[in-house]
Amino acid sequence: MKFLIQVVKEASVDIDNETVGRIGRGFLIFVGVCDKDTEETADMMVKKAVNLRIFEDENGKTNLSIDDIQGSMLVISQFTLYADCRKGNRPSFIKAGNPDHAEKLYEYVLSSLKNTYGIDVKCGRFGADMQVSLINDGPFTVMLDSDELSGK
């Protein structure tokens, strides 16, 4: 599983010219799922994201978590995080998870953020054509990869 996390001043997602999610200060998280990912993988990734201390404190040090700043999250499914560009000029997406499996884990991530951690979460729609807008803060962008976090 991969999370591309961007610290934002604001972010939104539109589908068919309708805004379906909008947040102020917080994280825009793109979520990529592969077939080997499980709910345990999702739990590890969500816990890491929620506890990341990448917001500035009163001294300008990145020392605060999303909870510390009472921030929100906009979470978007993004199978292209598993693009393989090693051969040719057209990316391969064979490492991306089966859509049914990926959607189940994406929904699990959303539920965990809301119900386990009490985060204000907005989201796109799995598999939809979405237009995502953001004002990146910093910019500050972090990639979390479950293989790296678990030492695989």
C-alpha atoms as a PDB file:
ATOM      1  CA  MET A   1       0.000   0.000   0.000  1.00  0.00           C
ATOM      2  CA  LYS A   2       1.192   3.483  -0.775  1.00  0.00           C
ATOM      3  CA  PHE A   3       0.083   6.815   0.662  1.00  0.00           C
ATOM      4  CA  LEU A   4       1.226   9.997  -1.053  1.00  0.00           C
ATOM      5  CA  ILE A   5       0.613  12.645   1.600  1.00  0.00           C
ATOM      6  CA  GLN A   6       0.611  16.351   0.856  1.00  0.00           C
ATOM      7  CA  VAL A   7       0.293  18.981   3.559  1.00  0.00           C
ATOM      8  CA  VAL A   8      -2.319  21.429   2.294  1.00  0.00           C
ATOM      9  CA  LYS A   9      -3.845  24.747   3.234  1.00  0.00           C
ATOM     10  CA  GLU A  10      -6.952  23.540   1.405  1.00  0.00           C
ATOM     11  CA  ALA A  11      -7.961  20.850  -1.066  1.00  0.00           C
ATOM     12  CA  SER A  12     -11.056  19.715  -2.901  1.00  0.00           C
ATOM     13  CA  VAL A  13     -12.272  17.042  -5.290  1.00  0.00           C
ATOM     14  CA  ASP A  14     -14.862  17.481  -8.032  1.00  0.00           C
ATOM     15  CA  ILE A  15     -16.755  14.794  -9.931  1.00  0.00           C
ATOM     16  CA  ASP A  16     -18.910  15.779 -12.913  1.00  0.00           C
ATOM     17  CA  ASN A  17     -18.459  19.496 -12.067  1.00  0.00           C
ATOM     18  CA  GLU A  18     -19.732  18.970  -8.517  1.00  0.00           C
ATOM     19  CA  THR A  19     -17.529  19.401  -5.450  1.00  0.00           C
ATOM     20  CA  VAL A  20     -17.893  16.178  -3.451  1.00  0.00           C
ATOM     21  CA  GLY A  21     -15.176  16.864  -0.867  1.00  0.00           C
ATOM     22  CA  ARG A  22     -13.443  19.956   0.471  1.00  0.00           C
ATOM     23  CA  ILE A  23     -11.086  20.489   3.404  1.00  0.00           C
ATOM     24  CA  GLY A  24      -9.115  23.295   4.952  1.00  0.00           C
ATOM     25  CA  ARG A  25      -5.746  22.734   6.616  1.00  0.00           C
ATOM     26  CA  GLY A  26      -4.642  19.123   6.713  1.00  0.00           C
ATOM     27  CA  PHE A  27      -3.596  16.263   4.457  1.00  0.00           C
ATOM     28  CA  LEU A  28      -4.449  15.366   0.902  1.00  0.00           C
ATOM     29  CA  ILE A  29      -3.745  11.624   0.767  1.00  0.00           C
ATOM     30  CA  PHE A  30      -3.619   9.606  -2.438  1.00  0.00           C
ATOM     31  CA  VAL A  31      -4.031   5.899  -1.642  1.00  0.00           C
ATOM     32  CA  GLY A  32      -2.689   3.105  -3.837  1.00  0.00           C
ATOM     33  CA  VAL A  33      -3.474  -0.543  -3.114  1.00  0.00           C
ATOM     34  CA  CYS A  34      -1.831  -3.725  -4.415  1.00  0.00           C
ATOM     35  CA  ASP A  35      -3.161  -7.270  -4.235  1.00  0.00           C
ATOM     36  CA  LYS A  36      -0.994  -8.379  -1.307  1.00  0.00           C
ATOM     37  CA  ASP A  37      -2.328  -5.578   0.928  1.00  0.00           C
ATOM     38  CA  THR A  38      -4.560  -6.529   3.869  1.00  0.00           C
ATOM     39  CA  GLU A  39      -6.522  -4.761   6.589  1.00  0.00           C
ATOM     40  CA  GLU A  40      -3.420  -5.133   8.766  1.00  0.00           C
ATOM     41  CA  THR A  41      -1.426  -3.281   6.102  1.00  0.00           C
ATOM     42  CA  ALA A  42      -4.057  -0.542   6.063  1.00  0.00           C
ATOM     43  CA  ASP A  43      -4.009  -0.315   9.879  1.00  0.00           C
ATOM     44  CA  MET A  44      -0.228   0.197   9.854  1.00  0.00           C
ATOM     45  CA  MET A  45      -0.447   2.867   7.139  1.00  0.00           C
ATOM     46  CA  VAL A  46      -3.318   4.755   8.755  1.00  0.00           C
ATOM     47  CA  LYS A  47      -1.608   4.754  12.156  1.00  0.00           C
ATOM     48  CA  LYS A  48       1.605   6.087  10.610  1.00  0.00           C
ATOM     49  CA  ALA A  49      -0.222   8.838   8.684  1.00  0.00           C
ATOM     50  CA  VAL A  50      -2.246   9.961  11.693  1.00  0.00           C
ATOM     51  CA  ASN A  51       0.838  10.135  13.903  1.00  0.00           C
ATOM     52  CA  LEU A  52       3.177  11.865  11.437  1.00  0.00           C
ATOM     53  CA  ARG A  53       4.510  15.033  13.029  1.00  0.00           C
ATOM     54  CA  ILE A  54       4.901  17.199   9.948  1.00  0.00           C
ATOM     55  CA  PHE A  55       3.046  20.370  10.898  1.00  0.00           C
ATOM     56  CA  GLU A  56       5.019  23.278  12.315  1.00  0.00           C
ATOM     57  CA  ASP A  57       4.794  24.184  15.987  1.00  0.00           C
ATOM     58  CA  GLU A  58       5.133  27.694  17.423  1.00  0.00           C
ATOM     59  CA  ASN A  59       8.925  27.463  16.935  1.00  0.00           C
ATOM     60  CA  GLY A  60       8.702  26.528  13.247  1.00  0.00           C
ATOM     61  CA  LYS A  61       9.695  22.900  13.905  1.00  0.00           C
ATOM     62  CA  THR A  62       7.760  20.059  12.277  1.00  0.00           C
ATOM     63  CA  ASN A  63       6.537  18.687  15.564  1.00  0.00           C
ATOM     64  CA  LEU A  64       2.715  18.522  15.333  1.00  0.00           C
ATOM     65  CA  SER A  65       0.388  15.786  14.078  1.00  0.00           C
ATOM     66  CA  ILE A  66      -2.903  16.131  12.211  1.00  0.00           C
ATOM     67  CA  ASP A  67      -4.716  15.713  15.535  1.00  0.00           C
ATOM     68  CA  ASP A  68      -2.598  18.413  17.194  1.00  0.00           C
ATOM     69  CA  ILE A  69      -3.741  20.972  14.616  1.00  0.00           C
ATOM     70  CA  GLN A  70      -7.296  19.589  14.422  1.00  0.00           C
ATOM     71  CA  GLY A  71      -6.778  19.138  10.688  1.00  0.00           C
ATOM     72  CA  SER A  72      -8.829  17.315   8.097  1.00  0.00           C
ATOM     73  CA  MET A  73      -7.980  14.774   5.424  1.00  0.00           C
ATOM     74  CA  LEU A  74      -9.068  14.504   1.809  1.00  0.00           C
ATOM     75  CA  VAL A  75      -8.473  10.881   0.768  1.00  0.00           C
ATOM     76  CA  ILE A  76      -8.413   9.915  -2.918  1.00  0.00           C
ATOM     77  CA  SER A  77      -7.975   6.455  -4.455  1.00  0.00           C
ATOM     78  CA  GLN A  78      -5.007   6.472  -6.848  1.00  0.00           C
ATOM     79  CA  PHE A  79      -4.035   3.210  -8.552  1.00  0.00           C
ATOM     80  CA  THR A  80      -1.403   5.056 -10.602  1.00  0.00           C
ATOM     81  CA  LEU A  81       0.863   5.128  -7.537  1.00  0.00           C
ATOM     82  CA  TYR A  82       1.744   1.608  -8.690  1.00  0.00           C
ATOM     83  CA  ALA A  83       2.829   2.715 -12.172  1.00  0.00           C
ATOM     84  CA  ASP A  84       5.882   0.855 -13.450  1.00  0.00           C
ATOM     85  CA  CYS A  85       7.783   3.025 -15.926  1.00  0.00           C
ATOM     86  CA  ARG A  86      10.930   0.914 -16.244  1.00  0.00           C
ATOM     87  CA  LYS A  87      10.199  -0.349 -19.765  1.00  0.00           C
ATOM     88  CA  GLY A  88       9.085   1.748 -22.701  1.00  0.00           C
ATOM     89  CA  ASN A  89       7.179   4.987 -22.441  1.00  0.00           C
ATOM     90  CA  ARG A  90       3.748   3.721 -21.441  1.00  0.00           C
ATOM     91  CA  PRO A  91       3.405   2.924 -17.726  1.00  0.00           C
ATOM     92  CA  SER A  92       2.301  -0.541 -16.699  1.00  0.00           C
ATOM     93  CA  PHE A  93      -0.207  -0.859 -13.867  1.00  0.00           C
ATOM     94  CA  ILE A  94      -0.038  -4.615 -13.314  1.00  0.00           C
ATOM     95  CA  LYS A  95       1.194  -4.065  -9.744  1.00  0.00           C
ATOM     96  CA  ALA A  96      -1.968  -2.125  -8.844  1.00  0.00           C
ATOM     97  CA  GLY A  97      -4.557  -4.098  -6.911  1.00  0.00           C
ATOM     98  CA  ASN A  98      -7.624  -5.749  -8.370  1.00  0.00           C
ATOM     99  CA  PRO A  99     -10.334  -3.051  -8.328  1.00  0.00           C
ATOM    100  CA  ASP A 100     -12.694  -4.991  -6.008  1.00  0.00           C
ATOM    101  CA  HIS A 101      -9.906  -5.647  -3.504  1.00  0.00           C
ATOM    102  CA  ALA A 102      -8.574  -2.091  -3.775  1.00  0.00           C
ATOM    103  CA  GLU A 103     -12.009  -0.540  -3.252  1.00  0.00           C
ATOM    104  CA  LYS A 104     -12.619  -2.677  -0.161  1.00  0.00           C
ATOM    105  CA  LEU A 105      -9.309  -1.564   1.395  1.00  0.00           C
ATOM    106  CA  TYR A 106      -9.836   2.065   0.364  1.00  0.00           C
ATOM    107  CA  GLU A 107     -13.208   2.041   2.152  1.00  0.00           C
ATOM    108  CA  TYR A 108     -11.532   0.352   5.136  1.00  0.00           C
ATOM    109  CA  VAL A 109      -8.935   3.172   5.277  1.00  0.00           C
ATOM    110  CA  LEU A 110     -11.714   5.797   5.228  1.00  0.00           C
ATOM    111  CA  SER A 111     -13.635   4.005   7.973  1.00  0.00           C
ATOM    112  CA  SER A 112     -10.550   3.611  10.141  1.00  0.00           C
ATOM    113  CA  LEU A 113      -9.621   7.282   9.867  1.00  0.00           C
ATOM    114  CA  LYS A 114     -13.148   8.349  10.791  1.00  0.00           C
ATOM    115  CA  ASN A 115     -14.133   5.739  13.372  1.00  0.00           C
ATOM    116  CA  THR A 116     -10.859   4.720  15.019  1.00  0.00           C
ATOM    117  CA  TYR A 117      -9.087   8.072  14.965  1.00  0.00           C
ATOM    118  CA  GLY A 118     -11.976  10.557  14.732  1.00  0.00           C
ATOM    119  CA  ILE A 119     -10.402  12.437  11.843  1.00  0.00           C
ATOM    120  CA  ASP A 120     -12.596  14.745   9.752  1.00  0.00           C
ATOM    121  CA  VAL A 121     -12.349  12.899   6.428  1.00  0.00           C
ATOM    122  CA  LYS A 122     -13.648  13.840   3.009  1.00  0.00           C
ATOM    123  CA  CYS A 123     -13.153  11.636  -0.026  1.00  0.00           C
ATOM    124  CA  GLY A 124     -13.570  11.172  -3.717  1.00  0.00           C
ATOM    125  CA  ARG A 125     -15.336   8.227  -5.318  1.00  0.00           C
ATOM    126  CA  PHE A 126     -13.423   5.049  -6.063  1.00  0.00           C
ATOM    127  CA  GLY A 127     -12.844   4.610  -9.791  1.00  0.00           C
ATOM    128  CA  ALA A 128     -14.396   7.963 -10.749  1.00  0.00           C
ATOM    129  CA  ASP A 129     -12.886  10.572 -13.027  1.00  0.00           C
ATOM    130  CA  MET A 130     -11.958  13.192 -10.436  1.00  0.00           C
ATOM    131  CA  GLN A 131     -10.475  16.657 -10.561  1.00  0.00           C
ATOM    132  CA  VAL A 132      -8.409  17.332  -7.457  1.00  0.00           C
ATOM    133  CA  SER A 133      -7.387  20.869  -6.486  1.00  0.00           C
ATOM    134  CA  LEU A 134      -5.023  21.845  -3.722  1.00  0.00           C
ATOM    135  CA  ILE A 135      -2.940  24.570  -2.225  1.00  0.00           C
ATOM    136  CA  ASN A 136       0.151  22.703  -1.084  1.00  0.00           C
ATOM    137  CA  ASP A 137       1.658  24.079   2.128  1.00  0.00           C
ATOM    138  CA  GLY A 138       5.430  24.203   2.069  1.00  0.00           C
ATOM    139  CA  PRO A 139       5.320  22.314  -0.216  1.00  0.00           C
ATOM    140  CA  PHE A 140       5.564  19.305   2.066  1.00  0.00           C
ATOM    141  CA  THR A 141       4.980  15.897   0.473  1.00  0.00           C
ATOM    142  CA  VAL A 142       5.733  12.472   1.952  1.00  0.00           C
ATOM    143  CA  MET A 143       5.451   8.997   0.398  1.00  0.00           C
ATOM    144  CA  LEU A 144       4.597   6.140   2.746  1.00  0.00           C
ATOM    145  CA  ASP A 145       5.176   2.653   1.334  1.00  0.00           C
ATOM    146  CA  SER A 146       4.004  -0.325   3.386  1.00  0.00           C
ATOM    147  CA  ASP A 147       6.902  -2.455   2.100  1.00  0.00           C
ATOM    148  CA  GLU A 148       9.387   0.070   3.470  1.00  0.00           C
ATOM    149  CA  LEU A 149       7.526   0.539   6.759  1.00  0.00           C
ATOM    150  CA  SER A 150       7.289  -3.194   7.383  1.00  0.00           C
ATOM    151  CA  GLY A 151      10.916  -3.811   6.349  1.00  0.00           C
ATOM    152  CA  LYS A 152      10.041  -6.079   3.407  1.00  0.00           C
END
